[in-house]
């Protein structure tokens, strides 16, 4: 064979291998994708990472830089992708065409978002404006919420033109809203499988911030002020999460009696709760802030259970979940929950099922019950790391309160029916 012929053969072989590699790459979904879901006619950008192929595909969302909410199972065959997220009872279904994924993300109830994604390309990242104004720190958003709130916290961490922020309401925060400064405003977004948010933060000449928020609930235009400015205008602060919900008669034990996932009735009068410190937690596997809280509750249970702490979750689920309990079971498995987990009813039945509570309207809500069976305090909502110091302070306060309750050795009251 002539040298020239050998060179041509080698070149053809290289081209063939390259072509096969490119075809295989085009048919793969592995890697990081820049995606959007559409909510209230607004495209909410986020990142998702996908691993594997065939019948063994998995994915992660990103909360800031943290990988969160992994899928439980997935399949990619013949250009079609399906990813299942059991602890939210949702799935992503999309088709790979011309290098893009197009489809829907949502649950069995039909509440699905339009989904699109293209492969992440660092060279195409929007260049942020330089000289971004400093909006770091704590703000208060003026609002009239359905839960009776007059203000929310707005927590901002800023590095140059990039910020990570969170809106903290009485029931918890939004997760990390990430983005940067361009075109005279900060453009932020968040989506980790639930609660999509798109927020434009527009600095005003008077030092305030105008927030244009599109979320899974609705769209809002709200004003944010520094706390000192809000006080100077005699505006009320955000609700104290330890004062939002109370019990009607603190001299009476808080009664509960509901089945666990196996149908066994568990009640406050059971021997296992007598003389114990009990955290009675209102939760739901559909609730994003309850997902944030579950690992912390399990951590508390494992640390303090031998010292006399019991935790009881009262789970309120939509009707379709009450038929199968598949999502609560996945929720328990995902977070390794070992404390009592009871099925209390549907969300609309909350006040009927816990009639001793007053102004009970937030998921999650936790009742702190002393060794004498009486409610000592009530905490509404739960933060995530996105709330920064407010998150650290809440967790430290909870630990301190549990330690104080456990240290008490008081006469055990009879827990009446």
Protein backbone atom coordinates (compact mmCIF):
# COMPACT_ATOMS: atom_id res chain seq x y z
CA UNK A 1 0.00 0.00 0.00
CA UNK A 2 1.34 3.45 -0.91
CA UNK A 3 2.03 5.97 1.84
CA UNK A 4 -0.54 8.30 0.30
CA UNK A 5 -3.20 5.56 0.45
CA UNK A 6 -2.33 4.84 4.10
CA UNK A 7 -2.69 8.50 4.99
CA UNK A 8 -6.09 8.69 3.29
CA UNK A 9 -7.26 5.54 5.11
CA UNK A 10 -6.11 6.90 8.49
CA UNK A 11 -7.83 10.21 7.79
CA UNK A 12 -11.07 8.47 6.84
CA UNK A 13 -10.91 6.35 10.00
CA UNK A 14 -10.49 9.47 12.17
CA UNK A 15 -13.41 11.16 10.43
CA UNK A 16 -15.58 8.07 10.93
CA UNK A 17 -14.76 7.90 14.66
CA UNK A 18 -15.44 11.62 14.99
CA UNK A 19 -18.78 11.28 13.19
CA UNK A 20 -19.82 8.36 15.42
CA UNK A 21 -18.78 10.35 18.51
CA UNK A 22 -20.77 13.38 17.42
CA UNK A 23 -23.86 11.26 16.73
CA UNK A 24 -23.56 9.60 20.15
CA UNK A 25 -23.15 13.00 21.81
CA UNK A 26 -26.18 14.34 19.98
CA UNK A 27 -28.23 11.43 21.34
CA UNK A 28 -27.01 11.86 24.93
CA UNK A 29 -28.65 14.01 27.59
CA UNK A 30 -25.77 13.86 30.04
CA UNK A 31 -24.41 17.17 31.31
CA UNK A 32 -25.65 20.52 32.60
CA UNK A 33 -28.59 22.19 30.86
CA UNK A 34 -29.84 25.78 30.92
CA UNK A 35 -33.58 25.33 31.25
CA UNK A 36 -36.79 27.30 31.71
CA UNK A 37 -40.29 26.59 32.96
CA UNK A 38 -43.10 28.97 32.07
CA UNK A 39 -45.22 30.34 34.93
CA UNK A 40 -47.78 33.13 34.56
CA UNK A 41 -46.49 33.73 31.00
CA UNK A 42 -42.94 34.29 32.30
CA UNK A 43 -39.98 32.03 31.50
CA UNK A 44 -38.15 31.18 34.73
CA UNK A 45 -34.52 30.17 34.04
CA UNK A 46 -32.70 27.51 36.07
CA UNK A 47 -30.05 24.82 35.71
CA UNK A 48 -30.47 21.06 35.76
CA UNK A 49 -27.81 18.35 35.58
CA UNK A 50 -28.54 14.96 34.01
CA UNK A 51 -26.48 11.76 34.37
CA UNK A 52 -26.76 8.32 32.80
CA UNK A 53 -28.46 6.86 29.79
CA UNK A 54 -30.95 4.20 28.79
CA UNK A 55 -33.01 3.05 31.76
CA UNK A 56 -30.63 4.49 34.37
CA UNK A 57 -30.96 8.26 34.17
CA UNK A 58 -30.82 10.65 37.13
CA UNK A 59 -30.85 14.41 37.55
CA UNK A 60 -30.36 17.26 40.02
CA UNK A 61 -31.64 20.80 40.33
CA UNK A 62 -29.49 23.62 41.69
CA UNK A 63 -30.30 25.80 44.70
CA UNK A 64 -27.58 28.39 44.27
CA UNK A 65 -24.52 26.20 43.74
CA UNK A 66 -25.91 23.27 45.74
CA UNK A 67 -27.24 20.18 43.96
CA UNK A 68 -30.70 19.39 45.36
CA UNK A 69 -33.86 17.35 44.77
CA UNK A 70 -32.43 14.37 42.91
CA UNK A 71 -34.76 12.36 40.71
CA UNK A 72 -35.65 8.86 41.87
CA UNK A 73 -35.59 7.21 38.46
CA UNK A 74 -35.46 8.06 34.79
CA UNK A 75 -35.18 6.77 31.26
CA UNK A 76 -33.84 8.15 27.99
CA UNK A 77 -34.59 6.12 24.90
CA UNK A 78 -35.27 6.99 21.27
CA UNK A 79 -34.95 10.70 21.99
CA UNK A 80 -37.52 10.72 24.81
CA UNK A 81 -36.61 11.62 28.39
CA UNK A 82 -38.67 10.86 31.51
CA UNK A 83 -37.44 11.78 35.02
CA UNK A 84 -39.49 10.90 38.12
CA UNK A 85 -39.40 12.91 41.36
CA UNK A 86 -41.36 10.72 43.77
CA UNK A 87 -41.17 12.94 46.88
CA UNK A 88 -42.99 15.68 44.94
CA UNK A 89 -45.07 13.26 42.82
CA UNK A 90 -43.86 15.07 39.70
CA UNK A 91 -42.12 14.12 36.49
CA UNK A 92 -40.23 15.76 33.66
CA UNK A 93 -41.15 14.54 30.19
CA UNK A 94 -39.24 15.92 27.21
CA UNK A 95 -38.07 15.12 23.70
CA UNK A 96 -34.55 15.77 22.46
CA UNK A 97 -34.64 17.44 19.05
CA UNK A 98 -32.00 19.55 17.31
CA UNK A 99 -29.96 19.64 20.50
CA UNK A 100 -32.79 20.96 22.69
CA UNK A 101 -35.13 19.35 25.23
CA UNK A 102 -38.78 20.38 24.94
CA UNK A 103 -41.64 19.11 27.08
CA UNK A 104 -43.40 19.57 30.41
CA UNK A 105 -42.69 19.33 34.13
CA UNK A 106 -45.49 18.72 36.60
CA UNK A 107 -47.62 16.39 38.67
CA UNK A 108 -50.40 13.89 38.17
CA UNK A 109 -52.98 16.55 39.06
CA UNK A 110 -52.34 18.23 35.72
CA UNK A 111 -50.50 21.27 37.07
CA UNK A 112 -47.67 21.14 34.52
CA UNK A 113 -45.23 23.82 33.35
CA UNK A 114 -43.92 24.11 29.80
CA UNK A 115 -40.24 23.07 29.88
CA UNK A 116 -37.36 23.87 27.50
CA UNK A 117 -33.61 23.35 27.85
CA UNK A 118 -30.40 23.82 25.91
CA UNK A 119 -26.96 22.58 26.81
CA UNK A 120 -25.09 24.86 29.16
CA UNK A 121 -22.46 26.87 27.30
CA UNK A 122 -20.31 29.07 29.60
CA UNK A 123 -19.35 31.25 26.64
CA UNK A 124 -23.01 32.24 26.20
CA UNK A 125 -23.58 33.36 29.80
CA UNK A 126 -25.04 36.87 29.80
CA UNK A 127 -22.38 39.38 30.77
CA UNK A 128 -23.52 41.33 33.81
CA UNK A 129 -23.23 45.09 33.95
CA UNK A 130 -20.30 46.32 35.99
CA UNK A 131 -20.80 48.98 38.70
CA UNK A 132 -23.92 47.38 40.16
CA UNK A 133 -25.42 49.33 43.08
CA UNK A 134 -24.98 47.81 46.54
CA UNK A 135 -28.25 46.26 47.70
CA UNK A 136 -26.76 43.71 50.10
CA UNK A 137 -28.21 43.11 53.53
CA UNK A 138 -31.69 42.97 55.00
CA UNK A 139 -34.81 44.61 53.54
CA UNK A 140 -38.50 44.53 54.33
CA UNK A 141 -41.06 44.04 51.55
CA UNK A 142 -44.34 45.87 52.12
CA UNK A 143 -47.24 43.51 51.47
CA UNK A 144 -50.77 42.54 52.44
CA UNK A 145 -50.67 38.76 52.44
CA UNK A 146 -53.57 36.30 52.75
CA UNK A 147 -52.04 35.20 56.05
CA UNK A 148 -52.39 38.70 57.52
CA UNK A 149 -48.76 39.76 57.09
CA UNK A 150 -47.81 43.39 56.50
CA UNK A 151 -44.18 42.74 55.56
CA UNK A 152 -41.76 40.03 54.43
CA UNK A 153 -38.01 39.84 54.89
CA UNK A 154 -35.82 40.19 51.80
CA UNK A 155 -32.31 38.86 52.44
CA UNK A 156 -29.60 39.78 49.90
CA UNK A 157 -26.00 38.54 49.61
CA UNK A 158 -24.05 40.37 46.92
CA UNK A 159 -20.66 39.94 45.26
CA UNK A 160 -20.13 42.66 42.67
CA UNK A 161 -22.94 42.43 40.13
CA UNK A 162 -24.07 38.96 41.28
CA UNK A 163 -26.56 38.40 44.09
CA UNK A 164 -28.18 35.49 45.86
CA UNK A 165 -31.32 36.44 47.75
CA UNK A 166 -34.41 35.03 49.45
CA UNK A 167 -37.88 36.31 50.28
CA UNK A 168 -38.82 35.13 53.77
CA UNK A 169 -42.51 34.98 54.69
CA UNK A 170 -44.11 33.67 57.85
CA UNK A 171 -44.31 30.18 56.32
CA UNK A 172 -40.73 30.10 55.05
CA UNK A 173 -38.46 31.36 52.31
CA UNK A 174 -38.34 31.05 48.54
CA UNK A 175 -35.04 29.21 48.35
CA UNK A 176 -32.07 30.89 46.66
CA UNK A 177 -33.00 33.53 44.09
CA UNK A 178 -29.89 33.81 41.90
CA UNK A 179 -28.99 36.37 39.26
CA UNK A 180 -27.04 39.46 38.33
CA UNK A 181 -27.32 43.11 37.40
CA UNK A 182 -28.02 44.10 33.82
CA UNK A 183 -30.04 46.79 32.15
CA UNK A 184 -30.45 48.78 35.36
CA UNK A 185 -31.95 45.93 37.42
CA UNK A 186 -31.13 42.66 39.13
CA UNK A 187 -32.80 39.71 37.40
CA UNK A 188 -33.24 36.73 39.73
CA UNK A 189 -34.84 33.31 39.44
CA UNK A 190 -35.33 30.05 41.33
CA UNK A 191 -36.66 26.60 40.48
CA UNK A 192 -35.72 23.32 42.17
CA UNK A 193 -38.69 21.18 41.20
CA UNK A 194 -41.28 23.27 43.06
CA UNK A 195 -42.17 26.97 43.60
CA UNK A 196 -40.74 28.69 40.48
CA UNK A 197 -39.88 32.36 41.06
CA UNK A 198 -38.78 35.14 38.72
CA UNK A 199 -37.94 38.47 40.35
CA UNK A 200 -36.77 41.77 38.89
CA UNK A 201 -35.23 44.03 41.55
CA UNK A 202 -35.13 47.66 40.41
CA UNK A 203 -33.18 50.12 42.60
CA UNK A 204 -35.04 53.43 43.04
CA UNK A 205 -33.57 56.92 43.37
CA UNK A 206 -34.89 57.24 46.95
CA UNK A 207 -32.94 54.17 48.09
CA UNK A 208 -35.88 51.75 48.00
CA UNK A 209 -36.27 48.70 45.77
CA UNK A 210 -39.12 47.92 43.41
CA UNK A 211 -39.72 44.17 43.15
CA UNK A 212 -41.62 42.69 40.24
CA UNK A 213 -42.36 39.10 41.23
CA UNK A 214 -43.78 36.29 39.09
CA UNK A 215 -44.34 33.08 41.03
CA UNK A 216 -46.40 29.92 40.96
CA UNK A 217 -49.04 31.87 42.93
CA UNK A 218 -49.39 35.10 40.97
CA UNK A 219 -47.58 38.27 39.87
CA UNK A 220 -46.92 41.19 42.22
CA UNK A 221 -45.26 44.61 42.21
CA UNK A 222 -43.97 45.34 45.71
CA UNK A 223 -41.79 47.91 47.50
CA UNK A 224 -38.80 46.98 49.69
CA UNK A 225 -37.37 49.32 52.33
CA UNK A 226 -34.48 49.08 54.76
CA UNK A 227 -35.82 48.17 58.23
CA UNK A 228 -34.81 51.55 59.69
CA UNK A 229 -36.68 53.36 56.92
CA UNK A 230 -39.77 51.21 57.47
CA UNK A 231 -39.73 52.00 61.22
CA UNK A 232 -39.33 55.72 60.51
CA UNK A 233 -42.55 55.51 58.47
CA UNK A 234 -44.28 53.61 61.32
CA UNK A 235 -44.71 50.56 59.12
CA UNK A 236 -45.10 47.21 60.92
CA UNK A 237 -42.24 44.68 60.72
CA UNK A 238 -42.54 41.11 59.40
CA UNK A 239 -44.53 38.77 61.63
CA UNK A 240 -42.68 37.12 64.49
CA UNK A 241 -42.90 33.39 63.65
CA UNK A 242 -43.23 32.60 67.36
CA UNK A 243 -46.29 34.85 67.73
CA UNK A 244 -48.25 34.25 64.52
CA UNK A 245 -50.10 31.13 65.74
CA UNK A 246 -51.24 30.43 69.30
CA UNK A 247 -53.42 27.97 71.20
CA UNK A 248 -56.83 29.09 72.44
CA UNK A 249 -56.39 27.65 75.94
CA UNK A 250 -52.77 27.06 77.03
CA UNK A 251 -54.01 25.29 80.18
CA UNK A 252 -55.35 22.38 78.11
CA UNK A 253 -53.23 19.67 76.45
CA UNK A 254 -53.10 19.76 72.65
CA UNK A 255 -55.05 16.71 71.51
CA UNK A 256 -54.38 14.64 68.39
CA UNK A 257 -55.46 11.19 67.24
CA UNK A 258 -54.67 10.15 63.65
CA UNK A 259 -53.53 7.04 61.76
CA UNK A 260 -49.97 6.40 60.67
CA UNK A 261 -49.25 5.14 57.15
CA UNK A 262 -50.14 1.61 58.23
CA UNK A 263 -53.51 2.68 59.63
CA UNK A 264 -52.53 2.42 63.33
CA UNK A 265 -54.09 5.22 65.40
CA UNK A 266 -51.58 7.31 67.35
CA UNK A 267 -52.87 9.70 70.04
CA UNK A 268 -51.49 12.24 72.48
CA UNK A 269 -52.74 9.97 75.32
CA UNK A 270 -50.43 7.10 74.26
CA UNK A 271 -47.83 6.10 76.89
CA UNK A 272 -44.91 6.98 74.60
CA UNK A 273 -45.71 10.69 74.91
CA UNK A 274 -46.30 10.92 78.66
CA UNK A 275 -43.65 12.96 80.43
CA UNK A 276 -41.89 13.68 77.13
CA UNK A 277 -41.12 16.86 75.25
CA UNK A 278 -43.12 16.69 72.01
CA UNK A 279 -42.78 18.67 68.78
CA UNK A 280 -46.12 18.43 66.97
CA UNK A 281 -45.36 19.38 63.38
CA UNK A 282 -47.97 20.38 60.77
CA UNK A 283 -46.53 19.34 57.42
CA UNK A 284 -47.29 18.13 53.88
CA UNK A 285 -45.17 16.37 51.26
CA UNK A 286 -46.40 18.96 48.70
CA UNK A 287 -44.93 21.83 50.80
CA UNK A 288 -41.43 23.03 49.74
CA UNK A 289 -40.66 24.57 53.15
CA UNK A 290 -41.62 21.26 54.77
CA UNK A 291 -38.98 19.62 52.57
CA UNK A 292 -36.50 22.20 53.87
CA UNK A 293 -37.50 21.43 57.46
CA UNK A 294 -37.62 17.60 57.42
CA UNK A 295 -33.82 17.00 57.58
CA UNK A 296 -33.56 19.38 60.54
CA UNK A 297 -36.38 17.65 62.43
CA UNK A 298 -34.78 14.26 61.82
CA UNK A 299 -31.46 15.66 63.07
CA UNK A 300 -33.18 16.90 66.26
CA UNK A 301 -34.92 13.55 66.76
CA UNK A 302 -31.71 11.55 66.50
CA UNK A 303 -29.85 13.92 68.84
CA UNK A 304 -32.48 14.36 71.56
CA UNK A 305 -34.75 11.29 71.39
CA UNK A 306 -32.84 9.38 74.07
CA UNK A 307 -33.14 12.45 76.32
CA UNK A 308 -36.93 12.47 76.08
CA UNK A 309 -37.87 14.16 72.80
CA UNK A 310 -40.68 12.87 70.60
CA UNK A 311 -41.63 14.35 67.22
CA UNK A 312 -45.04 13.81 65.63
CA UNK A 313 -45.75 14.93 62.07
CA UNK A 314 -49.37 15.64 61.12
CA UNK A 315 -49.40 15.36 57.34
CA UNK A 316 -52.17 17.06 55.34
CA UNK A 317 -52.36 15.83 51.74
CA UNK A 318 -54.49 16.45 48.66
CA UNK A 319 -57.30 13.96 48.07
CA UNK A 320 -55.51 12.00 45.33
CA UNK A 321 -52.52 11.41 47.63
CA UNK A 322 -54.73 10.24 50.48
CA UNK A 323 -55.82 7.36 48.21
CA UNK A 324 -52.31 6.00 47.65
CA UNK A 325 -49.96 7.81 50.10
CA UNK A 326 -47.20 7.31 47.52
CA UNK A 327 -45.79 10.83 47.88
CA UNK A 328 -45.70 10.82 51.73
CA UNK A 329 -43.96 7.43 51.62
CA UNK A 330 -41.35 8.82 49.21
CA UNK A 331 -40.99 11.92 51.43
CA UNK A 332 -40.30 9.74 54.49
CA UNK A 333 -37.82 7.58 52.57
CA UNK A 334 -35.99 10.53 51.08
CA UNK A 335 -35.28 12.16 54.46
CA UNK A 336 -34.90 8.97 56.50
CA UNK A 337 -37.69 10.01 58.87
CA UNK A 338 -37.89 7.82 61.98
CA UNK A 339 -40.27 9.88 64.11
CA UNK A 340 -44.07 9.36 64.16
CA UNK A 341 -45.67 10.37 60.87
CA UNK A 342 -49.46 10.58 60.84
CA UNK A 343 -51.98 11.27 58.08
CA UNK A 344 -54.33 13.98 59.35
CA UNK A 345 -56.47 14.87 56.31
CA UNK A 346 -56.60 17.39 53.49
CA UNK A 347 -55.11 20.91 53.74
CA UNK A 348 -58.58 22.46 53.73
CA UNK A 349 -59.34 20.51 56.94
CA UNK A 350 -56.43 21.96 58.92
CA UNK A 351 -58.42 24.06 61.38
CA UNK A 352 -61.14 21.44 61.80
CA UNK A 353 -58.57 18.79 62.65
CA UNK A 354 -56.63 21.03 65.07
CA UNK A 355 -59.43 23.16 66.56
CA UNK A 356 -57.42 24.21 69.63
CA UNK A 357 -55.11 26.36 67.50
CA UNK A 358 -55.71 30.02 66.72
CA UNK A 359 -54.64 31.64 63.43
CA UNK A 360 -53.24 28.36 62.13
CA UNK A 361 -52.62 28.95 58.42
CA UNK A 362 -48.98 28.18 57.62
CA UNK A 363 -47.12 25.06 56.48
CA UNK A 364 -45.07 24.07 58.33
CA UNK A 365 -46.14 24.98 61.88
CA UNK A 366 -44.66 23.33 64.97
CA UNK A 367 -46.13 23.18 68.49
CA UNK A 368 -43.54 22.84 71.29
CA UNK A 369 -45.10 20.78 74.08
CA UNK A 370 -43.49 20.49 77.50
CA UNK A 371 -43.19 17.40 79.68
CA UNK A 372 -46.48 18.34 81.36
CA UNK A 373 -48.34 17.97 78.04
CA UNK A 374 -49.02 21.70 77.59
CA UNK A 375 -48.04 23.87 74.63
CA UNK A 376 -45.17 26.16 75.54
CA UNK A 377 -44.74 27.90 72.19
CA UNK A 378 -45.66 27.70 68.52
CA UNK A 379 -43.25 28.29 65.61
CA UNK A 380 -44.58 28.94 62.10
CA UNK A 381 -42.62 28.41 58.91
CA UNK A 382 -39.09 27.26 58.26
CA UNK A 383 -36.09 28.89 56.61
CA UNK A 384 -33.40 27.47 54.35
CA UNK A 385 -29.73 28.38 54.00
CA UNK A 386 -30.84 31.08 51.56
CA UNK A 387 -32.01 33.15 54.56
CA UNK A 388 -28.47 33.34 55.91
CA UNK A 389 -28.21 34.58 59.49
CA UNK A 390 -31.98 34.36 59.99
CA UNK A 391 -31.78 30.63 59.21
CA UNK A 392 -28.88 30.09 61.62
CA UNK A 393 -30.66 32.03 64.34
CA UNK A 394 -33.91 30.06 63.94
CA UNK A 395 -32.15 26.70 64.23
CA UNK A 396 -30.18 27.82 67.25
CA UNK A 397 -33.34 29.11 68.93
CA UNK A 398 -35.08 25.77 68.32
CA UNK A 399 -32.17 23.79 69.76
CA UNK A 400 -32.04 26.05 72.82
CA UNK A 401 -35.78 25.74 73.40
CA UNK A 402 -35.68 21.95 73.16
CA UNK A 403 -32.74 21.80 75.58
CA UNK A 404 -34.65 24.02 78.03
CA UNK A 405 -37.82 21.92 77.83
CA UNK A 406 -35.86 18.69 78.26
CA UNK A 407 -34.11 20.08 81.34
CA UNK A 408 -37.41 20.70 83.12
CA UNK A 409 -38.69 18.09 85.53
CA UNK A 410 -42.24 19.15 86.24
CA UNK A 411 -45.36 17.32 87.33
CA UNK A 412 -46.83 15.55 84.31
CA UNK A 413 -50.38 16.73 83.66
CA UNK A 414 -52.97 14.26 82.53
CA UNK A 415 -53.42 14.50 78.77
CA UNK A 416 -57.19 14.52 78.46
CA UNK A 417 -59.12 13.21 75.51
